[in-house]
C-alpha cells in the first residue's frame, strides 16, 4: 500500500515538474536584431544577435572562457538553422559544440525575468547560408541535450544596403 502511494506521489510530482518547466519555456523567447559587421572585414555580411528574454527565471548552461591567451567570453549552446524548402525541414548551418573548446568549464547561468541576455551571434552569410535564406537561432538549455531548446522566430539573411 505504501509503495503504491509513493509511486503515485512520485508520478504526480513529475507531472507537475514537467508542467512548470514547459510553462516557463513558453514564456521564454529569443529576439533577433542585426547590425553591419562591426569589424568592417566582411562588408557583405551582417552581425545577427539573439537575445534571450524570459518572464520567469531560466537556468541555462554556458562555457565561460578564463581570459588571457585562450580568450574570454561566454558561449551558449546555440546554432543557426536554415529552412530547407525541398526537404520541408530545418537543417543546421552553424553550431557551437563542446569539442570546439579545450577543457570547457560549463557553468549554470540564471537568466532573470525582464533582463535580456545575448545568447547567440552569427555573421551571416559569412558563417553560413546565403542572402535571402530563411534562418533561425536554436538555443539548447544544456550542452548535452539539444532537444530541450528555445527557438527564435525565423528571419531572412539580408543583403547589406549601401549607406
Protein backbone atom coordinates (compact mmCIF):
# COMPACT_ATOMS: atom_id res chain seq x y z
CA UNK A 1 0.00 0.00 0.00
CA UNK A 2 2.75 2.46 0.95
CA UNK A 3 4.67 1.61 -2.23
CA UNK A 4 1.59 2.41 -4.29
CA UNK A 5 1.15 5.79 -2.55
CA UNK A 6 4.83 6.63 -3.04
CA UNK A 7 4.51 5.63 -6.71
CA UNK A 8 1.50 7.93 -7.29
CA UNK A 9 3.05 10.84 -5.40
CA UNK A 10 6.22 10.46 -7.47
CA UNK A 11 4.21 10.26 -10.67
CA UNK A 12 2.26 13.40 -9.80
CA UNK A 13 5.46 15.23 -8.84
CA UNK A 14 6.97 14.53 -12.25
CA UNK A 15 3.77 15.63 -13.95
CA UNK A 16 3.77 18.97 -12.11
CA UNK A 17 7.54 19.40 -12.56
CA UNK A 18 7.32 18.98 -16.33
CA UNK A 19 4.27 21.26 -16.47
CA UNK A 20 6.15 24.05 -14.69
CA UNK A 21 9.18 23.61 -16.91
CA UNK A 22 7.10 23.65 -20.09
CA UNK A 23 5.18 26.70 -18.88
CA UNK A 24 8.38 28.68 -18.22
CA UNK A 25 9.74 27.75 -21.63
CA UNK A 26 6.61 29.05 -23.33
CA UNK A 27 7.37 32.40 -21.71
CA UNK A 28 10.97 32.38 -22.97
CA UNK A 29 11.79 33.89 -26.37
CA UNK A 30 14.82 34.82 -28.44
CA UNK A 31 14.55 38.21 -30.12
CA UNK A 32 16.77 38.84 -33.14
CA UNK A 33 18.47 42.05 -34.26
CA UNK A 34 21.08 42.74 -36.92
CA UNK A 35 23.85 45.28 -37.42
CA UNK A 36 26.56 45.83 -40.02
CA UNK A 37 29.74 43.82 -39.38
CA UNK A 38 31.38 45.80 -36.54
CA UNK A 39 34.88 44.83 -37.67
CA UNK A 40 34.33 46.04 -41.23
CA UNK A 41 36.22 42.97 -42.50
CA UNK A 42 33.19 41.27 -44.04
CA UNK A 43 31.35 44.12 -45.67
CA UNK A 44 28.79 41.85 -47.37
CA UNK A 45 27.69 40.25 -44.08
CA UNK A 46 25.61 41.40 -41.14
CA UNK A 47 26.00 40.50 -37.45
CA UNK A 48 22.82 38.84 -36.16
CA UNK A 49 22.32 38.78 -32.39
CA UNK A 50 19.86 36.64 -30.44
CA UNK A 51 18.79 37.89 -27.02
CA UNK A 52 17.03 35.60 -24.57
CA UNK A 53 14.09 37.17 -22.76
CA UNK A 54 12.03 35.42 -20.13
CA UNK A 55 9.12 36.12 -17.80
CA UNK A 56 10.28 33.52 -15.28
CA UNK A 57 13.82 32.63 -14.14
CA UNK A 58 15.55 30.22 -16.54
CA UNK A 59 18.78 28.32 -15.97
CA UNK A 60 20.95 27.51 -18.99
CA UNK A 61 24.44 26.11 -19.34
CA UNK A 62 27.29 28.17 -20.73
CA UNK A 63 31.03 27.88 -21.19
CA UNK A 64 32.94 30.68 -19.50
CA UNK A 65 36.35 31.25 -21.04
CA UNK A 66 39.08 32.12 -18.50
CA UNK A 67 40.62 35.05 -20.36
CA UNK A 68 44.26 35.57 -21.19
CA UNK A 69 45.81 33.64 -24.09
CA UNK A 70 42.73 31.48 -24.80
CA UNK A 71 40.39 34.46 -24.80
CA UNK A 72 37.40 35.44 -22.77
CA UNK A 73 33.68 35.42 -23.21
CA UNK A 74 30.63 33.31 -22.53
CA UNK A 75 29.42 30.76 -25.06
CA UNK A 76 26.00 29.15 -25.13
CA UNK A 77 24.85 26.00 -26.96
CA UNK A 78 23.48 27.92 -29.92
CA UNK A 79 23.04 27.08 -33.58
CA UNK A 80 21.84 28.73 -36.77
CA UNK A 81 19.36 26.61 -38.73
CA UNK A 82 18.28 27.13 -42.33
CA UNK A 83 14.87 26.21 -43.74
CA UNK A 84 15.26 23.58 -46.47
CA UNK A 85 12.10 24.00 -48.55
CA UNK A 86 12.91 21.00 -50.73
CA UNK A 87 13.00 18.64 -47.72
CA UNK A 88 10.49 20.60 -45.65
CA UNK A 89 12.73 20.78 -42.57
CA UNK A 90 15.30 22.87 -40.75
CA UNK A 91 18.99 21.95 -41.11
CA UNK A 92 21.95 23.15 -39.07
CA UNK A 93 24.28 25.70 -40.71
CA UNK A 94 26.45 26.68 -37.73
CA UNK A 95 26.58 25.20 -34.22
CA UNK A 96 28.67 25.62 -31.07
CA UNK A 97 29.77 22.19 -29.80
CA UNK A 98 31.77 21.17 -26.74
CA UNK A 99 34.59 19.77 -28.90
CA UNK A 100 35.34 23.33 -30.09
CA UNK A 101 36.62 24.16 -26.60
CA UNK A 102 39.70 22.84 -24.82
CA UNK A 103 38.76 21.63 -21.33
CA UNK A 104 35.44 23.54 -21.26
CA UNK A 105 34.28 24.98 -17.95
CA UNK A 106 30.49 24.56 -18.03
CA UNK A 107 28.59 26.88 -15.71
CA UNK A 108 24.89 27.17 -14.95
CA UNK A 109 23.68 30.71 -15.53
CA UNK A 110 20.36 32.07 -14.33
CA UNK A 111 18.59 34.44 -16.69
CA UNK A 112 16.39 36.66 -14.57
CA UNK A 113 12.94 37.84 -15.69
CA UNK A 114 12.74 41.03 -17.73
CA UNK A 115 16.53 41.08 -18.35
CA UNK A 116 17.76 40.37 -21.88
CA UNK A 117 20.92 38.29 -22.32
CA UNK A 118 22.76 37.83 -25.60
CA UNK A 119 23.00 34.09 -26.17
CA UNK A 120 23.52 33.72 -29.94
CA UNK A 121 25.50 35.61 -32.57
CA UNK A 122 26.37 34.89 -36.16
CA UNK A 123 27.94 36.83 -39.00
CA UNK A 124 25.73 35.92 -41.95
CA UNK A 125 26.24 34.92 -44.69
CA UNK A 126 29.96 34.78 -43.80
CA UNK A 127 29.44 31.99 -41.20
CA UNK A 128 26.94 30.12 -43.38
CA UNK A 129 23.97 30.43 -45.69
CA UNK A 130 23.34 32.96 -48.41
CA UNK A 131 21.42 36.19 -48.89
CA UNK A 132 17.70 35.56 -48.84
CA UNK A 133 17.94 32.33 -46.79
CA UNK A 134 15.31 31.88 -44.10
CA UNK A 135 17.12 31.02 -40.84
CA UNK A 136 16.58 30.89 -37.08
CA UNK A 137 18.57 30.56 -33.87
CA UNK A 138 18.19 27.48 -31.63
CA UNK A 139 19.48 27.69 -28.04
CA UNK A 140 19.94 24.47 -26.07
CA UNK A 141 19.29 24.73 -22.34
CA UNK A 142 22.18 22.30 -21.75
CA UNK A 143 25.27 21.24 -23.70
CA UNK A 144 24.28 17.57 -23.60
CA UNK A 145 20.64 17.70 -24.71
CA UNK A 146 19.92 19.90 -27.72
CA UNK A 147 16.35 18.55 -27.81
CA UNK A 148 15.39 20.87 -24.97
CA UNK A 149 15.77 24.27 -26.57
CA UNK A 150 14.17 27.58 -27.41
CA UNK A 151 13.85 28.93 -30.96
CA UNK A 152 13.94 32.43 -32.37
CA UNK A 153 11.36 33.46 -34.91
CA UNK A 154 12.64 32.81 -38.45
CA UNK A 155 14.45 35.73 -40.12
CA UNK A 156 15.93 36.34 -43.55
CA UNK A 157 19.64 36.91 -44.18
CA UNK A 158 19.64 40.43 -45.59
CA UNK A 159 21.98 41.85 -48.16
CA UNK A 160 23.90 44.81 -46.77
CA UNK A 161 22.42 48.04 -48.05
CA UNK A 162 24.62 50.86 -49.26
CA UNK A 163 24.96 53.89 -46.96
